[in-house]
Amino acid sequence: MAADPITTAVSNRICAHMNDDHAEAVLLYATVYGQTPEASAATMVAIDPLGMDLTAEVNGASVPLRVTFDHELEHSEDAHTTLVRMIKTARKKD
């Protein structure tokens, strides 16, 4: 994977991949980092160097969430590494 800047196109690619292939990870981002433990599902809407925007399903309602990263992402490879690290940490907390 090339280390592309996080443009809208890269954000869309990452979100589509996460939502299609890693829905359980996106839900963990919402429940752990979005501090919404009652969420039953979540969708990654956008990612930028400072964080990610999610939509969580909570009691039948869509709730927007913003999860900030612990550092500013430099490129797509940094996004990948950061998301993987975050999910490993979230699984330990869950």
Protein backbone atom coordinates (compact mmCIF):
# COMPACT_ATOMS: atom_id res chain seq x y z
CA MET A 1 0.00 0.00 0.00
CA ALA A 2 1.41 3.38 -0.97
CA ALA A 3 1.67 6.02 1.72
CA ASP A 4 -0.78 8.48 0.20
CA PRO A 5 -1.80 11.76 1.82
CA ILE A 6 -5.21 11.47 3.47
CA THR A 7 -7.37 13.06 0.80
CA THR A 8 -11.13 12.68 0.42
CA ALA A 9 -10.54 9.80 -2.00
CA VAL A 10 -8.23 8.03 0.49
CA SER A 11 -10.76 8.64 3.28
CA ASN A 12 -13.51 7.13 1.13
CA ARG A 13 -11.33 4.09 0.33
CA ILE A 14 -10.44 3.51 4.00
CA CYS A 15 -14.06 3.94 5.13
CA ALA A 16 -15.39 1.55 2.47
CA HIS A 17 -12.80 -1.06 3.43
CA MET A 18 -13.47 -0.72 7.16
CA ASN A 19 -17.26 -0.79 6.78
CA ASP A 20 -17.22 -3.73 4.33
CA ASP A 21 -14.52 -5.88 5.92
CA HIS A 22 -14.14 -4.75 9.54
CA ALA A 23 -17.60 -3.79 10.82
CA GLU A 24 -16.85 -5.26 14.26
CA ALA A 25 -13.76 -3.02 14.52
CA VAL A 26 -15.77 0.07 13.59
CA LEU A 27 -18.29 -0.81 16.29
CA LEU A 28 -15.46 -1.14 18.82
CA TYR A 29 -14.13 2.30 17.81
CA ALA A 30 -17.60 3.68 18.59
CA THR A 31 -18.13 1.83 21.86
CA VAL A 32 -14.63 2.29 23.31
CA TYR A 33 -13.19 5.48 21.78
CA GLY A 34 -16.53 7.13 21.02
CA GLN A 35 -17.62 6.32 24.57
CA THR A 36 -20.92 4.94 23.34
CA PRO A 37 -21.07 1.43 24.86
CA GLU A 38 -24.77 1.11 24.03
CA ALA A 39 -24.12 1.29 20.26
CA SER A 40 -25.33 -1.79 18.38
CA ALA A 41 -23.69 -0.93 15.04
CA ALA A 42 -21.45 1.76 13.61
CA THR A 43 -20.31 3.09 10.25
CA MET A 44 -17.09 4.96 9.50
CA VAL A 45 -18.12 8.07 7.60
CA ALA A 46 -14.79 9.87 7.14
CA ILE A 47 -11.19 9.87 8.31
CA ASP A 48 -8.78 12.80 8.36
CA PRO A 49 -5.36 13.39 9.91
CA LEU A 50 -6.89 14.34 13.27
CA GLY A 51 -9.60 11.72 13.70
CA MET A 52 -12.52 9.77 12.33
CA ASP A 53 -16.23 10.48 12.03
CA LEU A 54 -18.56 7.62 12.82
CA THR A 55 -22.30 7.14 12.87
CA ALA A 56 -23.44 4.82 15.64
CA GLU A 57 -26.81 3.13 15.97
CA VAL A 58 -28.06 3.65 19.52
CA ASN A 59 -31.54 2.45 20.44
CA GLY A 60 -32.69 2.81 16.83
CA ALA A 61 -31.27 6.32 16.39
CA SER A 62 -28.23 7.38 14.36
CA VAL A 63 -25.74 9.23 16.56
CA PRO A 64 -22.75 11.07 15.06
CA LEU A 65 -19.44 10.48 16.86
CA ARG A 66 -16.01 12.03 16.51
CA VAL A 67 -13.00 9.97 17.58
CA THR A 68 -9.73 11.88 17.70
CA PHE A 69 -6.36 10.21 17.18
CA ASP A 70 -3.47 10.42 19.66
CA HIS A 71 -1.35 12.09 16.97
CA GLU A 72 -1.82 13.75 13.60
CA LEU A 73 -1.72 11.14 10.84
CA GLU A 74 0.95 11.71 8.22
CA HIS A 75 -0.40 9.47 5.42
CA SER A 76 -2.50 6.41 4.63
CA GLU A 77 0.06 3.96 6.02
CA ASP A 78 0.04 5.87 9.33
CA ALA A 79 -3.78 5.62 9.28
CA HIS A 80 -3.57 1.86 8.81
CA THR A 81 -1.03 1.41 11.62
CA THR A 82 -2.99 3.68 13.95
CA LEU A 83 -6.34 1.97 13.30
CA VAL A 84 -4.80 -1.47 13.88
CA ARG A 85 -3.16 -0.32 17.13
CA MET A 86 -6.43 1.26 18.30
CA ILE A 87 -8.42 -1.93 17.66
CA LYS A 88 -5.88 -4.07 19.51
CA THR A 89 -6.09 -1.70 22.49
CA ALA A 90 -9.91 -1.60 22.31
CA ARG A 91 -10.14 -5.40 22.32
CA LYS A 92 -8.15 -5.47 25.55
CA LYS A 93 -10.60 -2.99 27.12
CA ASP A 94 -13.74 -4.69 25.83
